[in-house]
Full PDB file with SEQRES, HELIX, SHEET, SSBOND, CRYST1, ORIGX, SCALE, CONECT and MASTER records, all heavy atoms in Angstrom:
SEQRES   1 A   37  ASP ARG TYR GLN THR TYR ILE THR LEU PHE VAL MET LEU          
SEQRES   2 A   37  LEU VAL PHE SER GLY VAL LEU SER TRP PRO ILE SER ARG          
SEQRES   3 A   37  ALA SER THR GLY ILE TYR ASN PHE PHE VAL THR                  
HELIX    1 AA1 GLN A    4  SER A   17  1                                  14    
HELIX    2 AA2 SER A   21  VAL A   36  1                                  16    
CRYST1    1.000    1.000    1.000  90.00  90.00  90.00 P 1           1          
ORIGX1      1.000000  0.000000  0.000000        0.00000                         
ORIGX2      0.000000  1.000000  0.000000        0.00000                         
ORIGX3      0.000000  0.000000  1.000000        0.00000                         
SCALE1      1.000000  0.000000  0.000000        0.00000                         
SCALE2      0.000000  1.000000  0.000000        0.00000                         
SCALE3      0.000000  0.000000  1.000000        0.00000                         
ATOM      1  N   ASP A   1      59.661  -4.546 227.959  1.00  0.00           N  
ATOM      2  CA  ASP A   1      59.900  -4.702 229.394  1.00  0.00           C  
ATOM      3  C   ASP A   1      60.771  -3.575 229.940  1.00  0.00           C  
ATOM      4  O   ASP A   1      60.540  -3.066 231.044  1.00  0.00           O  
ATOM      5  CB  ASP A   1      60.569  -6.056 229.677  1.00  0.00           C  
ATOM      6  CG  ASP A   1      59.616  -7.219 229.497  1.00  0.00           C  
ATOM      7  OD1 ASP A   1      58.394  -6.993 229.548  1.00  0.00           O  
ATOM      8  OD2 ASP A   1      60.092  -8.357 229.303  1.00  0.00           O  
ATOM      9  N   ARG A   2      61.755  -3.171 229.150  1.00  0.00           N  
ATOM     10  CA  ARG A   2      62.691  -2.139 229.600  1.00  0.00           C  
ATOM     11  C   ARG A   2      62.024  -0.777 229.710  1.00  0.00           C  
ATOM     12  O   ARG A   2      62.322   0.005 230.631  1.00  0.00           O  
ATOM     13  CB  ARG A   2      63.876  -2.074 228.637  1.00  0.00           C  
ATOM     14  CG  ARG A   2      64.956  -1.080 229.065  1.00  0.00           C  
ATOM     15  CD  ARG A   2      66.132  -1.138 228.110  1.00  0.00           C  
ATOM     16  NE  ARG A   2      67.177  -0.199 228.515  1.00  0.00           N  
ATOM     17  CZ  ARG A   2      68.316  -0.019 227.839  1.00  0.00           C  
ATOM     18  NH1 ARG A   2      68.552  -0.735 226.733  1.00  0.00           N  
ATOM     19  NH2 ARG A   2      69.215   0.855 228.265  1.00  0.00           N  
ATOM     20  N   TYR A   3      61.115  -0.486 228.767  1.00  0.00           N  
ATOM     21  CA  TYR A   3      60.509   0.846 228.716  1.00  0.00           C  
ATOM     22  C   TYR A   3      59.011   0.833 229.053  1.00  0.00           C  
ATOM     23  O   TYR A   3      58.288   1.764 228.690  1.00  0.00           O  
ATOM     24  CB  TYR A   3      60.710   1.449 227.325  1.00  0.00           C  
ATOM     25  CG  TYR A   3      62.161   1.689 226.979  1.00  0.00           C  
ATOM     26  CD1 TYR A   3      62.838   0.818 226.127  1.00  0.00           C  
ATOM     27  CD2 TYR A   3      62.849   2.774 227.517  1.00  0.00           C  
ATOM     28  CE1 TYR A   3      64.172   1.028 225.819  1.00  0.00           C  
ATOM     29  CE2 TYR A   3      64.187   2.992 227.210  1.00  0.00           C  
ATOM     30  CZ  TYR A   3      64.846   2.109 226.363  1.00  0.00           C  
ATOM     31  OH  TYR A   3      66.173   2.312 226.067  1.00  0.00           O  
ATOM     32  N   GLN A   4      58.572  -0.179 229.780  1.00  0.00           N  
ATOM     33  CA  GLN A   4      57.138  -0.316 230.032  1.00  0.00           C  
ATOM     34  C   GLN A   4      56.569   0.863 230.803  1.00  0.00           C  
ATOM     35  O   GLN A   4      55.445   1.302 230.542  1.00  0.00           O  
ATOM     36  CB  GLN A   4      56.841  -1.616 230.793  1.00  0.00           C  
ATOM     37  CG  GLN A   4      55.352  -1.816 231.071  1.00  0.00           C  
ATOM     38  CD  GLN A   4      55.027  -3.224 231.480  1.00  0.00           C  
ATOM     39  OE1 GLN A   4      55.656  -4.171 231.049  1.00  0.00           O  
ATOM     40  NE2 GLN A   4      54.035  -3.369 232.336  1.00  0.00           N  
ATOM     41  N   THR A   5      57.328   1.413 231.741  1.00  0.00           N  
ATOM     42  CA  THR A   5      56.832   2.562 232.512  1.00  0.00           C  
ATOM     43  C   THR A   5      56.518   3.735 231.593  1.00  0.00           C  
ATOM     44  O   THR A   5      55.461   4.376 231.717  1.00  0.00           O  
ATOM     45  CB  THR A   5      57.867   3.000 233.558  1.00  0.00           C  
ATOM     46  OG1 THR A   5      58.108   1.914 234.461  1.00  0.00           O  
ATOM     47  CG2 THR A   5      57.350   4.197 234.352  1.00  0.00           C  
ATOM     48  N   TYR A   6      57.406   4.003 230.646  1.00  0.00           N  
ATOM     49  CA  TYR A   6      57.188   5.116 229.724  1.00  0.00           C  
ATOM     50  C   TYR A   6      56.030   4.819 228.768  1.00  0.00           C  
ATOM     51  O   TYR A   6      55.255   5.713 228.427  1.00  0.00           O  
ATOM     52  CB  TYR A   6      58.458   5.392 228.930  1.00  0.00           C  
ATOM     53  CG  TYR A   6      59.638   5.758 229.799  1.00  0.00           C  
ATOM     54  CD1 TYR A   6      60.639   4.820 230.079  1.00  0.00           C  
ATOM     55  CD2 TYR A   6      59.748   7.034 230.363  1.00  0.00           C  
ATOM     56  CE1 TYR A   6      61.719   5.153 230.888  1.00  0.00           C  
ATOM     57  CE2 TYR A   6      60.822   7.372 231.168  1.00  0.00           C  
ATOM     58  CZ  TYR A   6      61.802   6.423 231.427  1.00  0.00           C  
ATOM     59  OH  TYR A   6      62.857   6.753 232.239  1.00  0.00           O  
ATOM     60  N   ILE A   7      55.930   3.563 228.356  1.00  0.00           N  
ATOM     61  CA  ILE A   7      54.838   3.176 227.461  1.00  0.00           C  
ATOM     62  C   ILE A   7      53.501   3.325 228.177  1.00  0.00           C  
ATOM     63  O   ILE A   7      52.517   3.805 227.603  1.00  0.00           O  
ATOM     64  CB  ILE A   7      55.035   1.733 226.957  1.00  0.00           C  
ATOM     65  CG1 ILE A   7      56.306   1.638 226.111  1.00  0.00           C  
ATOM     66  CG2 ILE A   7      53.832   1.279 226.144  1.00  0.00           C  
ATOM     67  CD1 ILE A   7      56.683   0.231 225.701  1.00  0.00           C  
ATOM     68  N   THR A   8      53.470   2.922 229.450  1.00  0.00           N  
ATOM     69  CA  THR A   8      52.246   3.052 230.237  1.00  0.00           C  
ATOM     70  C   THR A   8      51.838   4.518 230.376  1.00  0.00           C  
ATOM     71  O   THR A   8      50.661   4.870 230.228  1.00  0.00           O  
ATOM     72  CB  THR A   8      52.436   2.441 231.642  1.00  0.00           C  
ATOM     73  OG1 THR A   8      52.783   1.058 231.505  1.00  0.00           O  
ATOM     74  CG2 THR A   8      51.160   2.573 232.464  1.00  0.00           C  
ATOM     75  N   LEU A   9      52.813   5.389 230.631  1.00  0.00           N  
ATOM     76  CA  LEU A   9      52.521   6.820 230.728  1.00  0.00           C  
ATOM     77  C   LEU A   9      51.995   7.355 229.395  1.00  0.00           C  
ATOM     78  O   LEU A   9      51.099   8.210 229.371  1.00  0.00           O  
ATOM     79  CB  LEU A   9      53.776   7.583 231.149  1.00  0.00           C  
ATOM     80  CG  LEU A   9      54.251   7.347 232.590  1.00  0.00           C  
ATOM     81  CD1 LEU A   9      55.584   8.048 232.819  1.00  0.00           C  
ATOM     82  CD2 LEU A   9      53.210   7.854 233.582  1.00  0.00           C  
ATOM     83  N   PHE A  10      52.542   6.849 228.301  1.00  0.00           N  
ATOM     84  CA  PHE A  10      52.083   7.273 226.980  1.00  0.00           C  
ATOM     85  C   PHE A  10      50.637   6.852 226.746  1.00  0.00           C  
ATOM     86  O   PHE A  10      49.826   7.627 226.202  1.00  0.00           O  
ATOM     87  CB  PHE A  10      52.986   6.680 225.897  1.00  0.00           C  
ATOM     88  CG  PHE A  10      52.564   7.002 224.495  1.00  0.00           C  
ATOM     89  CD1 PHE A  10      52.669   8.295 224.005  1.00  0.00           C  
ATOM     90  CD2 PHE A  10      52.047   6.016 223.673  1.00  0.00           C  
ATOM     91  CE1 PHE A  10      52.274   8.603 222.713  1.00  0.00           C  
ATOM     92  CE2 PHE A  10      51.649   6.308 222.379  1.00  0.00           C  
ATOM     93  CZ  PHE A  10      51.760   7.605 221.901  1.00  0.00           C  
ATOM     94  N   VAL A  11      50.294   5.629 227.163  1.00  0.00           N  
ATOM     95  CA  VAL A  11      48.912   5.149 227.022  1.00  0.00           C  
ATOM     96  C   VAL A  11      47.961   6.036 227.829  1.00  0.00           C  
ATOM     97  O   VAL A  11      46.882   6.421 227.347  1.00  0.00           O  
ATOM     98  CB  VAL A  11      48.798   3.678 227.481  1.00  0.00           C  
ATOM     99  CG1 VAL A  11      47.335   3.238 227.512  1.00  0.00           C  
ATOM    100  CG2 VAL A  11      49.591   2.764 226.561  1.00  0.00           C  
ATOM    101  N   MET A  12      48.355   6.367 229.049  1.00  0.00           N  
ATOM    102  CA  MET A  12      47.514   7.230 229.879  1.00  0.00           C  
ATOM    103  C   MET A  12      47.354   8.604 229.246  1.00  0.00           C  
ATOM    104  O   MET A  12      46.279   9.215 229.309  1.00  0.00           O  
ATOM    105  CB  MET A  12      48.104   7.331 231.279  1.00  0.00           C  
ATOM    106  CG  MET A  12      48.096   6.011 232.041  1.00  0.00           C  
ATOM    107  SD  MET A  12      48.850   6.108 233.680  1.00  0.00           S  
ATOM    108  CE  MET A  12      47.665   7.170 234.515  1.00  0.00           C  
ATOM    109  N   LEU A  13      48.414   9.108 228.614  1.00  0.00           N  
ATOM    110  CA  LEU A  13      48.339  10.393 227.919  1.00  0.00           C  
ATOM    111  C   LEU A  13      47.330  10.321 226.774  1.00  0.00           C  
ATOM    112  O   LEU A  13      46.560  11.270 226.548  1.00  0.00           O  
ATOM    113  CB  LEU A  13      49.717  10.787 227.384  1.00  0.00           C  
ATOM    114  CG  LEU A  13      49.796  12.101 226.599  1.00  0.00           C  
ATOM    115  CD1 LEU A  13      49.391  13.276 227.487  1.00  0.00           C  
ATOM    116  CD2 LEU A  13      51.202  12.313 226.051  1.00  0.00           C  
ATOM    117  N   LEU A  14      47.321   9.193 226.057  1.00  0.00           N  
ATOM    118  CA  LEU A  14      46.348   9.016 224.972  1.00  0.00           C  
ATOM    119  C   LEU A  14      44.925   9.049 225.508  1.00  0.00           C  
ATOM    120  O   LEU A  14      44.022   9.610 224.875  1.00  0.00           O  
ATOM    121  CB  LEU A  14      46.605   7.684 224.249  1.00  0.00           C  
ATOM    122  CG  LEU A  14      47.879   7.576 223.414  1.00  0.00           C  
ATOM    123  CD1 LEU A  14      47.987   6.182 222.804  1.00  0.00           C  
ATOM    124  CD2 LEU A  14      47.897   8.633 222.307  1.00  0.00           C  
ATOM    125  N   VAL A  15      44.733   8.439 226.680  1.00  0.00           N  
ATOM    126  CA  VAL A  15      43.403   8.441 227.294  1.00  0.00           C  
ATOM    127  C   VAL A  15      43.022   9.852 227.719  1.00  0.00           C  
ATOM    128  O   VAL A  15      41.928  10.353 227.424  1.00  0.00           O  
ATOM    129  CB  VAL A  15      43.358   7.489 228.504  1.00  0.00           C  
ATOM    130  CG1 VAL A  15      42.026   7.618 229.238  1.00  0.00           C  
ATOM    131  CG2 VAL A  15      43.561   6.045 228.051  1.00  0.00           C  
ATOM    132  N   PHE A  16      43.939  10.538 228.418  1.00  0.00           N  
ATOM    133  CA  PHE A  16      43.651  11.878 228.924  1.00  0.00           C  
ATOM    134  C   PHE A  16      43.388  12.868 227.787  1.00  0.00           C  
ATOM    135  O   PHE A  16      42.581  13.781 227.920  1.00  0.00           O  
ATOM    136  CB  PHE A  16      44.811  12.393 229.782  1.00  0.00           C  
ATOM    137  CG  PHE A  16      45.008  11.631 231.061  1.00  0.00           C  
ATOM    138  CD1 PHE A  16      46.255  11.592 231.670  1.00  0.00           C  
ATOM    139  CD2 PHE A  16      43.966  10.932 231.642  1.00  0.00           C  
ATOM    140  CE1 PHE A  16      46.442  10.899 232.853  1.00  0.00           C  
ATOM    141  CE2 PHE A  16      44.142  10.225 232.814  1.00  0.00           C  
ATOM    142  CZ  PHE A  16      45.382  10.211 233.425  1.00  0.00           C  
ATOM    143  N   SER A  17      44.086  12.693 226.669  1.00  0.00           N  
ATOM    144  CA  SER A  17      43.941  13.628 225.550  1.00  0.00           C  
ATOM    145  C   SER A  17      42.685  13.363 224.723  1.00  0.00           C  
ATOM    146  O   SER A  17      42.305  14.193 223.895  1.00  0.00           O  
ATOM    147  CB  SER A  17      45.176  13.540 224.644  1.00  0.00           C  
ATOM    148  OG  SER A  17      45.244  12.265 224.013  1.00  0.00           O  
ATOM    149  N   GLY A  18      42.067  12.207 224.925  1.00  0.00           N  
ATOM    150  CA  GLY A  18      40.867  11.875 224.178  1.00  0.00           C  
ATOM    151  C   GLY A  18      41.132  11.223 222.838  1.00  0.00           C  
ATOM    152  O   GLY A  18      40.192  10.949 222.079  1.00  0.00           O  
ATOM    153  N   VAL A  19      42.398  10.938 222.524  1.00  0.00           N  
ATOM    154  CA  VAL A  19      42.743  10.341 221.232  1.00  0.00           C  
ATOM    155  C   VAL A  19      42.062   8.981 221.057  1.00  0.00           C  
ATOM    156  O   VAL A  19      41.624   8.620 219.953  1.00  0.00           O  
ATOM    157  CB  VAL A  19      44.274  10.190 221.093  1.00  0.00           C  
ATOM    158  CG1 VAL A  19      44.635   9.372 219.862  1.00  0.00           C  
ATOM    159  CG2 VAL A  19      44.928  11.562 221.038  1.00  0.00           C  
ATOM    160  N   LEU A  20      41.959   8.219 222.150  1.00  0.00           N  
ATOM    161  CA  LEU A  20      41.367   6.884 222.077  1.00  0.00           C  
ATOM    162  C   LEU A  20      39.844   6.897 222.164  1.00  0.00           C  
ATOM    163  O   LEU A  20      39.205   5.864 221.933  1.00  0.00           O  
ATOM    164  CB  LEU A  20      41.925   6.000 223.200  1.00  0.00           C  
ATOM    165  CG  LEU A  20      43.412   5.652 223.113  1.00  0.00           C  
ATOM    166  CD1 LEU A  20      43.822   4.841 224.341  1.00  0.00           C  
ATOM    167  CD2 LEU A  20      43.712   4.864 221.849  1.00  0.00           C  
ATOM    168  N   SER A  21      39.272   8.036 222.492  1.00  0.00           N  
ATOM    169  CA  SER A  21      37.823   8.088 222.743  1.00  0.00           C  
ATOM    170  C   SER A  21      37.011   7.707 221.509  1.00  0.00           C  
ATOM    171  O   SER A  21      36.062   6.917 221.597  1.00  0.00           O  
ATOM    172  CB  SER A  21      37.417   9.486 223.215  1.00  0.00           C  
ATOM    173  OG  SER A  21      38.038   9.802 224.434  1.00  0.00           O  
ATOM    174  N   TRP A  22      37.361   8.285 220.360  1.00  0.00           N  
ATOM    175  CA  TRP A  22      36.560   8.044 219.157  1.00  0.00           C  
ATOM    176  C   TRP A  22      36.592   6.588 218.723  1.00  0.00           C  
ATOM    177  O   TRP A  22      35.520   5.987 218.533  1.00  0.00           O  
ATOM    178  CB  TRP A  22      37.011   8.955 218.019  1.00  0.00           C  
ATOM    179  CG  TRP A  22      36.134   8.833 216.808  1.00  0.00           C  
ATOM    180  CD1 TRP A  22      34.954   9.468 216.573  1.00  0.00           C  
ATOM    181  CD2 TRP A  22      36.376   7.989 215.669  1.00  0.00           C  
ATOM    182  NE1 TRP A  22      34.424   9.086 215.356  1.00  0.00           N  
ATOM    183  CE2 TRP A  22      35.271   8.182 214.779  1.00  0.00           C  
ATOM    184  CE3 TRP A  22      37.385   7.099 215.319  1.00  0.00           C  
ATOM    185  CZ2 TRP A  22      35.183   7.506 213.563  1.00  0.00           C  
ATOM    186  CZ3 TRP A  22      37.289   6.431 214.099  1.00  0.00           C  
ATOM    187  CH2 TRP A  22      36.199   6.637 213.239  1.00  0.00           C  
ATOM    188  N   PRO A  23      37.764   5.951 218.539  1.00  0.00           N  
ATOM    189  CA  PRO A  23      37.744   4.553 218.097  1.00  0.00           C  
ATOM    190  C   PRO A  23      37.099   3.616 219.117  1.00  0.00           C  
ATOM    191  O   PRO A  23      36.392   2.674 218.733  1.00  0.00           O  
ATOM    192  CB  PRO A  23      39.233   4.212 217.897  1.00  0.00           C  
ATOM    193  CG  PRO A  23      39.981   5.254 218.644  1.00  0.00           C  
ATOM    194  CD  PRO A  23      39.148   6.474 218.610  1.00  0.00           C  
ATOM    195  N   ILE A  24      37.329   3.848 220.416  1.00  0.00           N  
ATOM    196  CA  ILE A  24      36.713   2.987 221.428  1.00  0.00           C  
ATOM    197  C   ILE A  24      35.199   3.181 221.425  1.00  0.00           C  
ATOM    198  O   ILE A  24      34.430   2.208 221.524  1.00  0.00           O  
ATOM    199  CB  ILE A  24      37.296   3.290 222.821  1.00  0.00           C  
ATOM    200  CG1 ILE A  24      38.749   2.817 222.897  1.00  0.00           C  
ATOM    201  CG2 ILE A  24      36.477   2.610 223.916  1.00  0.00           C  
ATOM    202  CD1 ILE A  24      39.442   3.123 224.213  1.00  0.00           C  
ATOM    203  N   SER A  25      34.752   4.429 221.277  1.00  0.00           N  
ATOM    204  CA  SER A  25      33.314   4.707 221.244  1.00  0.00           C  
ATOM    205  C   SER A  25      32.647   4.052 220.042  1.00  0.00           C  
ATOM    206  O   SER A  25      31.558   3.457 220.162  1.00  0.00           O  
ATOM    207  CB  SER A  25      33.073   6.220 221.217  1.00  0.00           C  
ATOM    208  OG  SER A  25      31.711   6.515 221.110  1.00  0.00           O  
ATOM    209  N   ARG A  26      33.299   4.122 218.891  1.00  0.00           N  
ATOM    210  CA  ARG A  26      32.735   3.515 217.684  1.00  0.00           C  
ATOM    211  C   ARG A  26      32.635   2.003 217.826  1.00  0.00           C  
ATOM    212  O   ARG A  26      31.609   1.396 217.487  1.00  0.00           O  
ATOM    213  CB  ARG A  26      33.608   3.864 216.476  1.00  0.00           C  
ATOM    214  CG  ARG A  26      33.586   5.319 216.082  1.00  0.00           C  
ATOM    215  CD  ARG A  26      32.379   5.666 215.242  1.00  0.00           C  
ATOM    216  NE  ARG A  26      32.428   4.999 213.943  1.00  0.00           N  
ATOM    217  CZ  ARG A  26      31.512   5.137 212.991  1.00  0.00           C  
ATOM    218  NH1 ARG A  26      30.468   5.914 213.229  1.00  0.00           N  
ATOM    219  NH2 ARG A  26      31.617   4.519 211.842  1.00  0.00           N  
ATOM    220  N   ALA A  27      33.695   1.396 218.316  1.00  0.00           N  
ATOM    221  CA  ALA A  27      33.691  -0.051 218.491  1.00  0.00           C  
ATOM    222  C   ALA A  27      32.671  -0.479 219.546  1.00  0.00           C  
ATOM    223  O   ALA A  27      31.965  -1.484 219.379  1.00  0.00           O  
ATOM    224  CB  ALA A  27      35.083  -0.544 218.879  1.00  0.00           C  
ATOM    225  N   SER A  28      32.572   0.298 220.632  1.00  0.00           N  
ATOM    226  CA  SER A  28      31.610  -0.018 221.692  1.00  0.00           C  
ATOM    227  C   SER A  28      30.183   0.049 221.173  1.00  0.00           C  
ATOM    228  O   SER A  28      29.359  -0.823 221.485  1.00  0.00           O  
ATOM    229  CB  SER A  28      31.775   0.956 222.862  1.00  0.00           C  
ATOM    230  OG  SER A  28      33.057   0.851 223.433  1.00  0.00           O  
ATOM    231  N   THR A  29      29.900   1.073 220.382  1.00  0.00           N  
ATOM    232  CA  THR A  29      28.557   1.212 219.821  1.00  0.00           C  
ATOM    233  C   THR A  29      28.224   0.043 218.908  1.00  0.00           C  
ATOM    234  O   THR A  29      27.097  -0.471 218.916  1.00  0.00           O  
ATOM    235  CB  THR A  29      28.430   2.536 219.039  1.00  0.00           C  
ATOM    236  OG1 THR A  29      28.707   3.634 219.919  1.00  0.00           O  
ATOM    237  CG2 THR A  29      27.047   2.700 218.456  1.00  0.00           C  
ATOM    238  N   GLY A  30      29.197  -0.422 218.124  1.00  0.00           N  
ATOM    239  CA  GLY A  30      28.979  -1.560 217.239  1.00  0.00           C  
ATOM    240  C   GLY A  30      28.636  -2.833 218.010  1.00  0.00           C  
ATOM    241  O   GLY A  30      27.698  -3.557 217.656  1.00  0.00           O  
ATOM    242  N   ILE A  31      29.385  -3.105 219.066  1.00  0.00           N  
ATOM    243  CA  ILE A  31      29.114  -4.299 219.874  1.00  0.00           C  
ATOM    244  C   ILE A  31      27.782  -4.148 220.609  1.00  0.00           C  
ATOM    245  O   ILE A  31      26.997  -5.101 220.701  1.00  0.00           O  
ATOM    246  CB  ILE A  31      30.258  -4.535 220.870  1.00  0.00           C  
ATOM    247  CG1 ILE A  31      31.542  -4.874 220.111  1.00  0.00           C  
ATOM    248  CG2 ILE A  31      29.908  -5.662 221.852  1.00  0.00           C  
ATOM    249  CD1 ILE A  31      32.761  -5.010 220.996  1.00  0.00           C  
ATOM    250  N   TYR A  32      27.525  -2.951 221.130  1.00  0.00           N  
ATOM    251  CA  TYR A  32      26.249  -2.701 221.811  1.00  0.00           C  
ATOM    252  C   TYR A  32      25.076  -2.950 220.872  1.00  0.00           C  
ATOM    253  O   TYR A  32      24.099  -3.625 221.241  1.00  0.00           O  
ATOM    254  CB  TYR A  32      26.229  -1.265 222.323  1.00  0.00           C  
ATOM    255  CG  TYR A  32      24.936  -0.876 222.995  1.00  0.00           C  
ATOM    256  CD1 TYR A  32      24.740  -1.123 224.351  1.00  0.00           C  
ATOM    257  CD2 TYR A  32      23.920  -0.246 222.281  1.00  0.00           C  
ATOM    258  CE1 TYR A  32      23.557  -0.762 224.980  1.00  0.00           C  
ATOM    259  CE2 TYR A  32      22.731   0.115 222.893  1.00  0.00           C  
ATOM    260  CZ  TYR A  32      22.557  -0.141 224.243  1.00  0.00           C  
ATOM    261  OH  TYR A  32      21.382   0.210 224.852  1.00  0.00           O  
ATOM    262  N   ASN A  33      25.158  -2.453 219.651  1.00  0.00           N  
ATOM    263  CA  ASN A  33      24.084  -2.659 218.680  1.00  0.00           C  
ATOM    264  C   ASN A  33      23.945  -4.136 218.319  1.00  0.00           C  
ATOM    265  O   ASN A  33      22.829  -4.615 218.046  1.00  0.00           O  
ATOM    266  CB  ASN A  33      24.338  -1.830 217.424  1.00  0.00           C  
ATOM    267  CG  ASN A  33      24.153  -0.341 217.667  1.00  0.00           C  
ATOM    268  OD1 ASN A  33      23.450   0.063 218.590  1.00  0.00           O  
ATOM    269  ND2 ASN A  33      24.792   0.478 216.845  1.00  0.00           N  
ATOM    270  N   PHE A  34      25.048  -4.861 218.305  1.00  0.00           N  
ATOM    271  CA  PHE A  34      24.997  -6.302 218.048  1.00  0.00           C  
ATOM    272  C   PHE A  34      24.220  -7.006 219.154  1.00  0.00           C  
ATOM    273  O   PHE A  34      23.379  -7.875 218.886  1.00  0.00           O  
ATOM    274  CB  PHE A  34      26.421  -6.859 217.951  1.00  0.00           C  
ATOM    275  CG  PHE A  34      26.486  -8.350 217.797  1.00  0.00           C  
ATOM    276  CD1 PHE A  34      26.026  -8.976 216.644  1.00  0.00           C  
ATOM    277  CD2 PHE A  34      27.022  -9.136 218.813  1.00  0.00           C  
ATOM    278  CE1 PHE A  34      26.090 -10.363 216.499  1.00  0.00           C  
ATOM    279  CE2 PHE A  34      27.089 -10.511 218.680  1.00  0.00           C  
ATOM    280  CZ  PHE A  34      26.620 -11.126 217.519  1.00  0.00           C  
ATOM    281  N   PHE A  35      24.480  -6.636 220.409  1.00  0.00           N  
ATOM    282  CA  PHE A  35      23.737  -7.217 221.535  1.00  0.00           C  
ATOM    283  C   PHE A  35      22.250  -6.862 221.434  1.00  0.00           C  
ATOM    284  O   PHE A  35      21.387  -7.698 221.720  1.00  0.00           O  
ATOM    285  CB  PHE A  35      24.295  -6.711 222.865  1.00  0.00           C  
ATOM    286  CG  PHE A  35      25.625  -7.296 223.242  1.00  0.00           C  
ATOM    287  CD1 PHE A  35      26.391  -6.727 224.243  1.00  0.00           C  
ATOM    288  CD2 PHE A  35      26.129  -8.408 222.588  1.00  0.00           C  
ATOM    289  CE1 PHE A  35      27.625  -7.272 224.611  1.00  0.00           C  
ATOM    290  CE2 PHE A  35      27.358  -8.957 222.925  1.00  0.00           C  
ATOM    291  CZ  PHE A  35      28.107  -8.386 223.944  1.00  0.00           C  
ATOM    292  N   VAL A  36      21.964  -5.630 221.053  1.00  0.00           N  
ATOM    293  CA  VAL A  36      20.565  -5.202 220.887  1.00  0.00           C  
ATOM    294  C   VAL A  36      19.864  -6.062 219.839  1.00  0.00           C  
ATOM    295  O   VAL A  36      18.719  -6.484 220.025  1.00  0.00           O  
ATOM    296  CB  VAL A  36      20.502  -3.716 220.507  1.00  0.00           C  
ATOM    297  CG1 VAL A  36      19.094  -3.319 220.045  1.00  0.00           C  
ATOM    298  CG2 VAL A  36      20.898  -2.843 221.693  1.00  0.00           C  
ATOM    299  N   THR A  37      20.561  -6.339 218.747  1.00  0.00           N  
ATOM    300  CA  THR A  37      19.987  -7.158 217.682  1.00  0.00           C  
ATOM    301  C   THR A  37      19.720  -8.589 218.162  1.00  0.00           C  
ATOM    302  O   THR A  37      18.653  -9.158 217.903  1.00  0.00           O  
ATOM    303  CB  THR A  37      20.940  -7.199 216.469  1.00  0.00           C  
ATOM    304  OG1 THR A  37      21.164  -5.866 215.995  1.00  0.00           O  
ATOM    305  CG2 THR A  37      20.348  -8.037 215.350  1.00  0.00           C  
TER     306      THR A  37                                                      
MASTER        0    0    0    2    0    0    0    6  305    1    0    3          
END                                                                             
């Protein structure tokens, strides 16, 4: 609660840098393929 603003900025930095892209993409593809099945 005390440092939420800084944590939020850090999360946005992870998004902007693309660090989260690979794991989210992999997980999304897995769920998408499950729906296809």
